C-alpha atoms as a PDB file:
ATOM      1  CA  UNK A   1     -11.845  12.855   2.516  1.00  0.00           C
ATOM      2  CA  UNK A   2      -8.065  12.513   4.431  1.00  0.00           C
ATOM      3  CA  UNK A   3      -4.836  13.179   2.865  1.00  0.00           C
ATOM      4  CA  UNK A   4      -4.314   9.642   1.830  1.00  0.00           C
ATOM      5  CA  UNK A   5      -7.712   8.265   0.046  1.00  0.00           C
ATOM      6  CA  UNK A   6      -6.919   6.568  -2.864  1.00  0.00           C
ATOM      7  CA  UNK A   7      -8.958   5.406  -6.415  1.00  0.00           C
ATOM      8  CA  UNK A   8     -11.393   7.565  -8.337  1.00  0.00           C
ATOM      9  CA  UNK A   9     -14.377   9.073  -6.419  1.00  0.00           C
ATOM     10  CA  UNK A  10     -17.490   7.896  -7.814  1.00  0.00           C
ATOM     11  CA  UNK A  11     -21.223   9.548  -7.021  1.00  0.00           C
ATOM     12  CA  UNK A  12     -21.142   7.018  -3.884  1.00  0.00           C
ATOM     13  CA  UNK A  13     -17.958   8.222  -2.456  1.00  0.00           C
ATOM     14  CA  UNK A  14     -19.551  11.989  -3.077  1.00  0.00           C
ATOM     15  CA  UNK A  15     -22.677  10.696  -1.371  1.00  0.00           C
ATOM     16  CA  UNK A  16     -20.579   9.247   1.565  1.00  0.00           C
ATOM     17  CA  UNK A  17     -18.562  12.914   1.750  1.00  0.00           C
ATOM     18  CA  UNK A  18     -21.631  14.727   2.067  1.00  0.00           C
ATOM     19  CA  UNK A  19     -22.782  12.306   4.482  1.00  0.00           C
ATOM     20  CA  UNK A  20     -19.331  12.736   6.502  1.00  0.00           C
ATOM     21  CA  UNK A  21     -19.658  16.615   6.417  1.00  0.00           C
ATOM     22  CA  UNK A  22     -23.043  16.826   7.582  1.00  0.00           C
ATOM     23  CA  UNK A  23     -22.661  14.468  10.729  1.00  0.00           C
ATOM     24  CA  UNK A  24     -19.169  15.652  11.332  1.00  0.00           C
ATOM     25  CA  UNK A  25     -17.552  12.664  10.665  1.00  0.00           C
ATOM     26  CA  UNK A  26     -13.734  11.677   9.651  1.00  0.00           C
ATOM     27  CA  UNK A  27     -13.390   8.905   7.314  1.00  0.00           C
ATOM     28  CA  UNK A  28     -10.199   7.378   9.146  1.00  0.00           C
ATOM     29  CA  UNK A  29      -8.429   5.364   6.782  1.00  0.00           C
ATOM     30  CA  UNK A  30      -7.785   7.984   4.762  1.00  0.00           C
ATOM     31  CA  UNK A  31      -5.853   9.635   7.545  1.00  0.00           C
ATOM     32  CA  UNK A  32      -2.796   7.541   7.680  1.00  0.00           C
ATOM     33  CA  UNK A  33      -0.627   7.151   5.180  1.00  0.00           C
ATOM     34  CA  UNK A  34       0.225   3.742   4.697  1.00  0.00           C
ATOM     35  CA  UNK A  35       1.841   1.449   1.643  1.00  0.00           C
ATOM     36  CA  UNK A  36      -0.679   0.564  -1.409  1.00  0.00           C
ATOM     37  CA  UNK A  37      -1.533  -3.103   0.117  1.00  0.00           C
ATOM     38  CA  UNK A  38      -2.317  -1.180   3.370  1.00  0.00           C
ATOM     39  CA  UNK A  39      -5.193   1.352   1.710  1.00  0.00           C
ATOM     40  CA  UNK A  40      -6.301  -0.881  -0.921  1.00  0.00           C
ATOM     41  CA  UNK A  41      -9.685  -2.512   0.239  1.00  0.00           C
ATOM     42  CA  UNK A  42     -11.097  -4.146  -3.194  1.00  0.00           C
ATOM     43  CA  UNK A  43      -9.344  -5.384  -6.016  1.00  0.00           C
ATOM     44  CA  UNK A  44     -11.241  -6.142  -8.990  1.00  0.00           C
ATOM     45  CA  UNK A  45     -10.415  -8.339 -11.944  1.00  0.00           C
ATOM     46  CA  UNK A  46      -7.271  -7.467 -14.386  1.00  0.00           C
ATOM     47  CA  UNK A  47      -7.704  -4.654 -16.965  1.00  0.00           C
ATOM     48  CA  UNK A  48      -5.216  -4.411 -19.654  1.00  0.00           C
ATOM     49  CA  UNK A  49      -2.670  -6.861 -17.015  1.00  0.00           C
ATOM     50  CA  UNK A  50      -3.114  -4.424 -14.160  1.00  0.00           C
ATOM     51  CA  UNK A  51      -5.597  -4.934 -11.564  1.00  0.00           C
ATOM     52  CA  UNK A  52      -8.251  -2.537 -10.076  1.00  0.00           C
ATOM     53  CA  UNK A  53      -7.500  -1.366  -6.706  1.00  0.00           C
ATOM     54  CA  UNK A  54      -9.816   0.908  -4.433  1.00  0.00           C
ATOM     55  CA  UNK A  55      -9.987   1.844  -1.383  1.00  0.00           C
ATOM     56  CA  UNK A  56     -14.348   1.823  -0.881  1.00  0.00           C
ATOM     57  CA  UNK A  57     -14.769   1.029   2.713  1.00  0.00           C
ATOM     58  CA  UNK A  58     -14.276   3.262   5.443  1.00  0.00           C
ATOM     59  CA  UNK A  59     -14.114   3.236   9.753  1.00  0.00           C
ATOM     60  CA  UNK A  60     -16.394   6.647  10.581  1.00  0.00           C
ATOM     61  CA  UNK A  61     -15.621   8.747  13.386  1.00  0.00           C
ATOM     62  CA  UNK A  62     -17.199  11.835  15.213  1.00  0.00           C
ATOM     63  CA  UNK A  63     -14.272  14.751  14.424  1.00  0.00           C
ATOM     64  CA  UNK A  64     -14.128  15.407  17.957  1.00  0.00           C
ATOM     65  CA  UNK A  65     -13.090  11.467  18.776  1.00  0.00           C
ATOM     66  CA  UNK A  66     -10.314  11.502  15.829  1.00  0.00           C
ATOM     67  CA  UNK A  67      -7.698  12.228  18.168  1.00  0.00           C
ATOM     68  CA  UNK A  68      -7.879   8.890  19.745  1.00  0.00           C
ATOM     69  CA  UNK A  69      -7.502   6.916  16.501  1.00  0.00           C
ATOM     70  CA  UNK A  70      -3.734   6.179  16.369  1.00  0.00           C
ATOM     71  CA  UNK A  71      -3.608   3.940  13.342  1.00  0.00           C
ATOM     72  CA  UNK A  72      -6.611   2.694  10.525  1.00  0.00           C
ATOM     73  CA  UNK A  73      -5.543   0.384   7.641  1.00  0.00           C
ATOM     74  CA  UNK A  74      -7.138  -2.022   5.681  1.00  0.00           C
ATOM     75  CA  UNK A  75      -5.744  -5.653   6.351  1.00  0.00           C
ATOM     76  CA  UNK A  76      -5.243  -8.750   3.690  1.00  0.00           C
ATOM     77  CA  UNK A  77      -5.511 -12.238   4.431  1.00  0.00           C
ATOM     78  CA  UNK A  78      -7.572 -12.307   7.114  1.00  0.00           C
ATOM     79  CA  UNK A  79     -10.996 -15.059   7.112  1.00  0.00           C
ATOM     80  CA  UNK A  80     -13.624 -13.656   5.020  1.00  0.00           C
ATOM     81  CA  UNK A  81     -15.928 -15.004   2.337  1.00  0.00           C
ATOM     82  CA  UNK A  82     -15.501 -11.085   0.496  1.00  0.00           C
ATOM     83  CA  UNK A  83     -13.703  -9.765  -1.938  1.00  0.00           C
ATOM     84  CA  UNK A  84     -13.143  -6.651   0.222  1.00  0.00           C
ATOM     85  CA  UNK A  85     -10.057  -6.816   2.795  1.00  0.00           C
ATOM     86  CA  UNK A  86     -10.894  -5.619   6.279  1.00  0.00           C
ATOM     87  CA  UNK A  87      -9.950  -2.402   7.906  1.00  0.00           C
ATOM     88  CA  UNK A  88      -9.322  -1.696  11.912  1.00  0.00           C
ATOM     89  CA  UNK A  89      -8.492   1.438  13.353  1.00  0.00           C
ATOM     90  CA  UNK A  90      -6.343   1.410  16.506  1.00  0.00           C
ATOM     91  CA  UNK A  91      -7.294   3.387  19.306  1.00  0.00           C
ATOM     92  CA  UNK A  92      -5.850   5.119  22.425  1.00  0.00           C
ATOM     93  CA  UNK A  93      -8.251   6.000  25.137  1.00  0.00           C
ATOM     94  CA  UNK A  94      -7.856   6.435  28.304  1.00  0.00           C
ATOM     95  CA  UNK A  95     -10.366   4.711  30.081  1.00  0.00           C
ATOM     96  CA  UNK A  96      -9.525   5.976  33.588  1.00  0.00           C
ATOM     97  CA  UNK A  97     -10.505   9.244  32.967  1.00  0.00           C
ATOM     98  CA  UNK A  98     -14.105   8.593  31.791  1.00  0.00           C
ATOM     99  CA  UNK A  99     -15.224   6.445  35.219  1.00  0.00           C
ATOM    100  CA  UNK A 100     -16.399   8.304  38.200  1.00  0.00           C
ATOM    101  CA  UNK A 101     -15.596   8.416  41.111  1.00  0.00           C
ATOM    102  CA  UNK A 102     -15.959   6.012  44.036  1.00  0.00           C
ATOM    103  CA  UNK A 103     -18.393   7.369  46.621  1.00  0.00           C
ATOM    104  CA  UNK A 104     -17.967   5.522  50.050  1.00  0.00           C
ATOM    105  CA  UNK A 105     -21.224   5.539  52.584  1.00  0.00           C
ATOM    106  CA  UNK A 106     -20.164   5.786  56.116  1.00  0.00           C
ATOM    107  CA  UNK A 107     -23.734   6.782  56.652  1.00  0.00           C
ATOM    108  CA  UNK A 108     -24.572   3.458  58.319  1.00  0.00           C
ATOM    109  CA  UNK A 109     -22.928   0.842  59.836  1.00  0.00           C
ATOM    110  CA  UNK A 110     -24.436  -2.223  58.170  1.00  0.00           C
ATOM    111  CA  UNK A 111     -22.090  -4.615  59.304  1.00  0.00           C
ATOM    112  CA  UNK A 112     -24.427  -4.378  62.702  1.00  0.00           C
ATOM    113  CA  UNK A 113     -27.030  -6.313  60.869  1.00  0.00           C
ATOM    114  CA  UNK A 114     -25.026  -9.597  61.562  1.00  0.00           C
ATOM    115  CA  UNK A 115     -25.720  -9.275  64.830  1.00  0.00           C
ATOM    116  CA  UNK A 116     -29.386 -10.578  66.100  1.00  0.00           C
ATOM    117  CA  UNK A 117     -30.338  -8.103  68.082  1.00  0.00           C
ATOM    118  CA  UNK A 118     -29.867  -5.393  65.810  1.00  0.00           C
ATOM    119  CA  UNK A 119     -31.649  -7.216  62.905  1.00  0.00           C
ATOM    120  CA  UNK A 120     -34.594  -7.962  65.292  1.00  0.00           C
ATOM    121  CA  UNK A 121     -34.756  -3.881  66.021  1.00  0.00           C
ATOM    122  CA  UNK A 122     -34.211  -2.851  62.043  1.00  0.00           C
ATOM    123  CA  UNK A 123     -36.879  -5.314  60.860  1.00  0.00           C
ATOM    124  CA  UNK A 124     -39.288  -4.272  64.377  1.00  0.00           C
ATOM    125  CA  UNK A 125     -38.446  -0.406  63.798  1.00  0.00           C
ATOM    126  CA  UNK A 126     -39.582  -0.907  59.547  1.00  0.00           C
ATOM    127  CA  UNK A 127     -42.779  -2.929  60.511  1.00  0.00           C
ATOM    128  CA  UNK A 128     -43.407  -0.100  62.666  1.00  0.00           C
ATOM    129  CA  UNK A 129     -43.041   2.414  60.278  1.00  0.00           C
ATOM    130  CA  UNK A 130     -45.064   0.636  57.608  1.00  0.00           C
ATOM    131  CA  UNK A 131     -47.822  -0.013  59.677  1.00  0.00           C
ATOM    132  CA  UNK A 132     -48.430   4.042  60.214  1.00  0.00           C
ATOM    133  CA  UNK A 133     -48.413   4.915  56.724  1.00  0.00           C
ATOM    134  CA  UNK A 134     -51.027   4.710  53.761  1.00  0.00           C
ATOM    135  CA  UNK A 135     -50.456   4.325  50.505  1.00  0.00           C
ATOM    136  CA  UNK A 136     -52.609   4.688  47.392  1.00  0.00           C
ATOM    137  CA  UNK A 137     -50.865   3.849  44.477  1.00  0.00           C
ATOM    138  CA  UNK A 138     -47.906   1.279  43.884  1.00  0.00           C
ATOM    139  CA  UNK A 139     -45.043   4.319  43.992  1.00  0.00           C
ATOM    140  CA  UNK A 140     -46.644   5.702  47.128  1.00  0.00           C
ATOM    141  CA  UNK A 141     -45.765   2.121  48.443  1.00  0.00           C
ATOM    142  CA  UNK A 142     -42.368   1.668  47.124  1.00  0.00           C
ATOM    143  CA  UNK A 143     -41.435   5.579  48.750  1.00  0.00           C
ATOM    144  CA  UNK A 144     -42.523   4.744  52.184  1.00  0.00           C
ATOM    145  CA  UNK A 145     -40.759   1.516  52.265  1.00  0.00           C
ATOM    146  CA  UNK A 146     -37.528   3.904  51.218  1.00  0.00           C
ATOM    147  CA  UNK A 147     -38.699   5.977  53.747  1.00  0.00           C
ATOM    148  CA  UNK A 148     -38.900   3.448  56.644  1.00  0.00           C
ATOM    149  CA  UNK A 149     -35.479   1.421  55.264  1.00  0.00           C
ATOM    150  CA  UNK A 150     -33.853   5.250  55.508  1.00  0.00           C
ATOM    151  CA  UNK A 151     -35.222   6.366  58.941  1.00  0.00           C
ATOM    152  CA  UNK A 152     -34.868   2.886  60.536  1.00  0.00           C
ATOM    153  CA  UNK A 153     -31.223   2.501  59.829  1.00  0.00           C
ATOM    154  CA  UNK A 154     -30.524   6.222  61.437  1.00  0.00           C
ATOM    155  CA  UNK A 155     -32.165   4.948  64.358  1.00  0.00           C
ATOM    156  CA  UNK A 156     -30.379   1.674  64.556  1.00  0.00           C
ATOM    157  CA  UNK A 157     -27.754   1.724  62.463  1.00  0.00           C
ATOM    158  CA  UNK A 158     -25.909   5.275  62.501  1.00  0.00           C
ATOM    159  CA  UNK A 159     -22.198   5.242  63.397  1.00  0.00           C
END
């Protein structure tokens, strides 16, 4: 639990904290300071003229991913058929850092296949190579097709 949790913890809350600790998780909506209206998730019936307000719904995130969470709080007034408020976390993630670099293949000039003479040479070479290969299984047949395509490309479509 972060510094800004609210309410009195019951046995369910203790179980949730144990679970979070065992699985290296943090309760994000207890990490950020907000006014009471933005930390209260559930409001119970009035008792002695006072409403019971608790924080009982959470967003759990792995501890190492907490650096991506910039805010987490509850929102009142969203269309809901529940007595709970929506809990929303805001994340800041640099998506470009996680994309693999694009690899350009300059090995074959596949534009040559648009020309009928190259397309015919390529098809004949693939047929010739496949007619000289034998396969006992579907996997061998597939491997032969791939190999024939590479060899034909090397001979006909090389730059």
